[in-house]
Amino acid sequence: MIWVVTLLALVVLVMFSMRYAWWRPAVGQEYPRILMYHMVSEHRPGAKFNKLRVPPGAFDWQIGWLKDNGWYFALMSELAAPEKLPPKTVFLTFDDGYADNYRFAHPVLKKYGARATLYLVVDRFDRDWSTAKKAHHNTGELMREPKLSDEQVSEMLASGCWELGGHTLTHANLARLNEEEKLAEIRGCREQLESHFGVSVPSFAYPFGIYDQTDVSLAEMAGFTSAVTTVEGIDTDLKARCFELSRVKVSGKDNRLAFRLRIRTGRRG
């Protein structure tokens, strides 16, 4: 009987370790964390993209926990002088431009005095861009997901809690475009966002995290000063990787322990 209990305990320990990877070494708090979010909304039964949906209550707890633990909320434009960032700096980034960013994330940022960068797709309405990455993502789920209106974006920017970043004109899969088309998507989004909203757009996010060295060069050519990827982790040299920045992926399925461990190590289990 004892060996059965011991075996079960070992199985539980192994499963716990695989899920949370608590054994990974912590990355020093002097290195900023760039967190990646998409939606802040409740999960939907049977939905394919629930991992992109962080429930509003969980998001409120996460931002409150960061605030209570002394983290400084920076905007991506502050990467122009990374040496001036204090220890325990975190960048909140939101990809695409979902309406729930205004409904649920925006009030939380105002509540805690936090700030975030919104990587906004210019032509974001009536597009199921998930299919541009994988053909079997043909449910229309992301196309039906309400997107931010220009009026909502303007209100968010006016609050001082948000900064705009570029995310191409159409959430294009850059790997499928020639160089001229790539530049049109990358430079075009910056020019249109700056013209329409009257703000600077210093940073860029590669759609789907798909990019190559040509895209890196084009992002710099287009006038951006930094670019983020979907590569998981915490960079220890922001200047050297300013156009290939890693991010900490925040999943809609993370509990509080998982979130704290992601902040500690930069990676999931």
Protein backbone atom coordinates (compact mmCIF):
# COMPACT_ATOMS: atom_id res chain seq x y z
CA MET A 1 0.00 0.00 0.00
CA ILE A 2 2.84 2.37 0.85
CA TRP A 3 4.47 1.85 -2.54
CA VAL A 4 1.19 2.69 -4.27
CA VAL A 5 0.91 5.97 -2.36
CA THR A 6 4.55 6.73 -3.10
CA LEU A 7 4.06 6.03 -6.80
CA LEU A 8 0.98 8.22 -6.95
CA ALA A 9 2.87 11.03 -5.19
CA LEU A 10 5.69 10.75 -7.71
CA VAL A 11 3.25 10.86 -10.62
CA VAL A 12 1.59 13.97 -9.18
CA LEU A 13 5.00 15.61 -8.66
CA VAL A 14 6.07 14.85 -12.23
CA MET A 15 2.82 16.19 -13.66
CA PHE A 16 3.08 19.33 -11.51
CA SER A 17 6.68 19.86 -12.60
CA MET A 18 5.83 19.40 -16.28
CA ARG A 19 2.93 21.84 -16.10
CA TYR A 20 4.65 24.60 -14.14
CA ALA A 21 8.39 24.03 -14.70
CA TRP A 22 9.00 25.50 -11.24
CA TRP A 23 12.58 24.25 -11.41
CA ARG A 24 13.62 26.67 -14.16
CA PRO A 25 16.05 29.34 -12.92
CA ALA A 26 14.63 32.83 -12.48
CA VAL A 27 15.66 35.58 -14.88
CA GLY A 28 17.02 38.59 -12.99
CA GLN A 29 14.48 41.32 -12.28
CA GLU A 30 16.80 43.89 -13.83
CA TYR A 31 15.70 42.51 -17.22
CA PRO A 32 12.33 43.85 -18.42
CA ARG A 33 9.45 41.51 -19.14
CA ILE A 34 7.37 42.08 -22.28
CA LEU A 35 3.98 40.44 -21.75
CA MET A 36 1.84 39.40 -24.72
CA TYR A 37 -1.94 39.60 -24.53
CA HIS A 38 -4.67 39.42 -27.17
CA MET A 39 -8.17 39.40 -25.66
CA VAL A 40 -9.53 40.06 -22.18
CA SER A 41 -12.82 38.22 -22.07
CA GLU A 42 -14.51 35.15 -20.68
CA HIS A 43 -13.89 31.82 -22.38
CA ARG A 44 -16.43 30.59 -24.90
CA PRO A 45 -17.54 26.94 -24.86
CA GLY A 46 -15.86 25.01 -27.65
CA ALA A 47 -13.92 28.00 -28.97
CA LYS A 48 -10.59 27.31 -30.69
CA PHE A 49 -8.85 30.42 -29.37
CA ASN A 50 -9.70 30.45 -25.65
CA LYS A 51 -6.00 30.50 -24.82
CA LEU A 52 -6.01 34.03 -26.28
CA ARG A 53 -8.85 35.03 -23.93
CA VAL A 54 -7.68 36.08 -20.45
CA PRO A 55 -10.77 36.32 -18.22
CA PRO A 56 -11.39 39.86 -16.90
CA GLY A 57 -11.09 38.77 -13.27
CA ALA A 58 -7.77 37.08 -13.95
CA PHE A 59 -6.47 40.15 -15.81
CA ASP A 60 -7.46 42.42 -12.92
CA TRP A 61 -5.59 40.16 -10.50
CA GLN A 62 -2.50 40.02 -12.73
CA ILE A 63 -2.19 43.80 -13.09
CA GLY A 64 -2.95 44.29 -9.38
CA TRP A 65 -0.29 41.72 -8.47
CA LEU A 66 2.30 43.44 -10.66
CA LYS A 67 1.40 46.81 -9.12
CA ASP A 68 1.52 45.50 -5.54
CA ASN A 69 4.90 43.88 -6.20
CA GLY A 70 6.53 47.06 -7.41
CA TRP A 71 6.64 46.54 -11.17
CA TYR A 72 6.94 49.64 -13.36
CA PHE A 73 4.57 49.70 -16.36
CA ALA A 74 6.49 50.98 -19.39
CA LEU A 75 5.49 51.82 -22.94
CA MET A 76 7.43 50.36 -25.85
CA SER A 77 8.63 53.85 -26.83
CA GLU A 78 10.71 53.83 -23.63
CA LEU A 79 12.95 51.19 -25.19
CA ALA A 80 14.66 54.08 -26.97
CA ALA A 81 16.63 54.48 -23.73
CA PRO A 82 16.59 51.05 -22.01
CA GLU A 83 19.33 52.10 -19.61
CA LYS A 84 16.85 54.49 -17.99
CA LEU A 85 14.33 51.76 -17.19
CA PRO A 86 14.16 50.86 -13.50
CA PRO A 87 14.50 47.30 -12.18
CA LYS A 88 11.22 45.39 -12.29
CA THR A 89 9.97 46.91 -15.54
CA VAL A 90 7.12 45.27 -17.40
CA PHE A 91 5.72 46.08 -20.84
CA LEU A 92 2.08 45.13 -21.41
CA THR A 93 1.39 44.51 -25.11
CA PHE A 94 -1.91 43.70 -26.82
CA ASP A 95 -2.02 42.34 -30.37
CA ASP A 96 -4.63 42.87 -33.08
CA GLY A 97 -7.23 45.29 -31.68
CA TYR A 98 -10.13 43.46 -30.06
CA ALA A 99 -13.05 45.45 -28.64
CA ASP A 100 -12.71 43.79 -25.24
CA ASN A 101 -9.41 45.66 -24.82
CA TYR A 102 -11.56 48.77 -24.41
CA ARG A 103 -14.36 47.15 -22.44
CA PHE A 104 -12.32 45.15 -19.94
CA ALA A 105 -8.58 45.90 -20.14
CA HIS A 106 -8.84 49.69 -20.35
CA PRO A 107 -10.69 50.15 -17.02
CA VAL A 108 -8.17 47.89 -15.27
CA LEU A 109 -5.24 49.92 -16.58
CA LYS A 110 -6.87 53.12 -15.32
CA LYS A 111 -7.64 51.47 -11.98
CA TYR A 112 -4.01 50.57 -11.29
CA GLY A 113 -2.29 53.40 -13.15
CA ALA A 114 -0.84 50.88 -15.62
CA ARG A 115 0.08 51.46 -19.26
CA ALA A 116 0.13 49.25 -22.34
CA THR A 117 1.06 49.21 -26.02
CA LEU A 118 -1.64 48.26 -28.51
CA TYR A 119 -0.38 46.63 -31.71
CA LEU A 120 -3.27 47.60 -33.94
CA VAL A 121 -4.21 46.16 -37.33
CA VAL A 122 -5.41 48.98 -39.59
CA ASP A 123 -7.91 47.01 -41.69
CA ARG A 124 -9.19 44.82 -38.86
CA PHE A 125 -12.88 44.45 -39.62
CA ASP A 126 -14.52 41.44 -41.31
CA ARG A 127 -11.26 39.51 -41.53
CA ASP A 128 -10.60 36.02 -40.22
CA TRP A 129 -6.84 36.42 -40.32
CA SER A 130 -6.22 33.14 -38.49
CA THR A 131 -6.75 31.37 -41.83
CA ALA A 132 -3.76 33.24 -43.26
CA LYS A 133 -1.57 31.10 -41.02
CA LYS A 134 -3.39 27.76 -41.05
CA ALA A 135 -6.05 26.87 -43.58
CA HIS A 136 -7.96 24.68 -41.13
CA HIS A 137 -8.64 27.71 -38.93
CA ASN A 138 -11.75 28.37 -40.99
CA THR A 139 -14.37 28.70 -38.28
CA GLY A 140 -14.64 32.48 -38.62
CA GLU A 141 -14.15 32.80 -34.86
CA LEU A 142 -11.70 35.69 -34.99
CA MET A 143 -13.62 37.43 -37.77
CA ARG A 144 -16.73 37.44 -35.59
CA GLU A 145 -14.81 38.73 -32.58
CA PRO A 146 -15.70 42.45 -32.22
CA LYS A 147 -12.83 44.81 -33.02
CA LEU A 148 -11.97 48.21 -31.61
CA SER A 149 -13.56 51.18 -33.31
CA ASP A 150 -11.42 54.20 -34.14
CA GLU A 151 -13.40 56.19 -31.57
CA GLN A 152 -12.55 53.67 -28.84
CA VAL A 153 -8.88 53.71 -29.81
CA SER A 154 -8.85 57.52 -29.65
CA GLU A 155 -10.37 57.46 -26.16
CA MET A 156 -7.84 54.89 -25.01
CA LEU A 157 -4.94 56.97 -26.32
CA ALA A 158 -6.29 60.17 -24.75
CA SER A 159 -6.28 58.51 -21.31
CA GLY A 160 -2.49 58.24 -21.31
CA CYS A 161 -2.74 54.51 -20.56
CA TRP A 162 -2.07 53.37 -24.11
CA GLU A 163 0.41 53.77 -26.92
CA LEU A 164 -0.03 52.55 -30.49
CA GLY A 165 2.19 50.04 -32.24
CA GLY A 166 1.97 48.77 -35.81
CA HIS A 167 0.76 45.27 -36.75
CA THR A 168 0.55 45.61 -40.57
CA LEU A 169 -2.37 46.85 -42.61
CA THR A 170 -4.25 43.53 -42.81
CA HIS A 171 -2.55 41.16 -40.33
CA ALA A 172 -0.69 39.72 -43.28
CA ASN A 173 1.35 36.55 -43.22
CA LEU A 174 4.59 38.20 -44.30
CA ALA A 175 6.09 34.88 -45.41
CA ARG A 176 3.61 34.80 -48.31
CA LEU A 177 4.46 38.26 -49.65
CA ASN A 178 7.20 39.60 -51.88
CA GLU A 179 9.45 42.36 -50.59
CA GLU A 180 7.40 45.17 -52.10
CA GLU A 181 4.20 43.83 -50.56
CA LYS A 182 5.92 43.35 -47.20
CA LEU A 183 7.08 46.96 -47.11
CA ALA A 184 3.62 48.20 -48.07
CA GLU A 185 2.09 46.29 -45.15
CA ILE A 186 4.77 47.30 -42.64
CA ARG A 187 5.37 50.93 -43.57
CA GLY A 188 1.78 51.48 -44.56
CA CYS A 189 0.41 50.60 -41.14
CA ARG A 190 2.74 53.04 -39.42
CA GLU A 191 1.94 55.87 -41.81
CA GLN A 192 -1.81 55.34 -41.64
CA LEU A 193 -1.97 54.98 -37.86
CA GLU A 194 0.13 58.07 -37.30
CA SER A 195 -1.90 60.09 -39.80
CA HIS A 196 -5.30 58.97 -38.53
CA PHE A 197 -4.69 59.17 -34.78
CA GLY A 198 -2.10 61.95 -34.73
CA VAL A 199 0.36 60.00 -32.57
CA SER A 200 3.79 58.47 -32.91
CA VAL A 201 3.89 54.73 -33.66
CA PRO A 202 7.38 53.59 -32.63
CA SER A 203 7.06 49.82 -32.35
CA PHE A 204 5.97 46.92 -34.56
CA ALA A 205 4.70 43.36 -34.00
CA TYR A 206 5.13 40.64 -36.63
CA PRO A 207 1.73 39.02 -37.38
CA PHE A 208 1.59 35.42 -36.15
CA GLY A 209 5.20 35.92 -35.02
CA ILE A 210 6.24 34.90 -38.55
CA TYR A 211 9.20 36.88 -39.86
CA ASP A 212 12.64 36.61 -41.42
CA GLN A 213 15.68 38.87 -41.62
CA THR A 214 14.20 40.73 -44.59
CA ASP A 215 11.20 41.66 -42.41
CA VAL A 216 13.55 42.81 -39.65
CA SER A 217 15.33 45.11 -42.11
CA LEU A 218 12.03 46.39 -43.52
CA ALA A 219 10.66 47.20 -40.05
CA GLU A 220 13.73 49.32 -39.40
CA MET A 221 13.50 50.88 -42.88
CA ALA A 222 9.85 51.74 -42.21
CA GLY A 223 10.88 53.92 -39.27
CA PHE A 224 10.09 51.69 -36.32
CA THR A 225 12.54 51.67 -33.42
CA SER A 226 11.67 48.21 -32.09
CA ALA A 227 9.73 45.08 -33.01
CA VAL A 228 8.33 42.21 -30.98
CA THR A 229 8.01 38.53 -31.86
CA THR A 230 6.07 35.64 -30.35
CA VAL A 231 9.29 33.92 -29.29
CA GLU A 232 8.84 33.03 -25.64
CA GLY A 233 11.27 34.39 -23.09
CA ILE A 234 12.95 37.39 -21.47
CA ASP A 235 15.75 39.13 -23.34
CA THR A 236 18.87 40.16 -21.42
CA ASP A 237 20.17 42.50 -24.15
CA LEU A 238 17.38 44.72 -25.44
CA LYS A 239 19.60 46.83 -27.67
CA ALA A 240 21.02 43.85 -29.52
CA ARG A 241 17.56 42.34 -30.06
CA CYS A 242 15.50 45.50 -30.47
CA PHE A 243 13.86 44.19 -33.70
CA GLU A 244 13.46 40.59 -32.51
CA LEU A 245 12.23 41.04 -28.96
CA SER A 246 10.93 38.02 -27.07
CA ARG A 247 7.72 38.15 -25.06
CA VAL A 248 6.16 36.36 -22.13
CA LYS A 249 2.99 34.72 -23.41
CA VAL A 250 0.05 35.15 -21.03
CA SER A 251 -2.45 32.36 -21.68
CA GLY A 252 -6.13 32.51 -20.93
CA LYS A 253 -5.63 29.15 -19.22
CA ASP A 254 -3.00 30.41 -16.74
CA ASN A 255 -3.85 30.30 -13.05
CA ARG A 256 -2.18 32.59 -10.54
CA LEU A 257 0.76 30.29 -9.89
CA ALA A 258 1.39 29.88 -13.62
CA PHE A 259 1.36 33.64 -14.11
CA ARG A 260 3.83 34.27 -11.28
CA LEU A 261 6.15 31.61 -12.66
CA ARG A 262 5.97 33.13 -16.15
CA ILE A 263 7.01 36.49 -14.69
CA ARG A 264 9.85 34.73 -12.89
CA THR A 265 11.23 32.64 -15.77
CA GLY A 266 9.61 34.04 -18.92
CA ARG A 267 8.34 30.67 -20.06
CA ARG A 268 5.50 28.26 -19.50
CA GLY A 269 5.80 24.68 -18.30
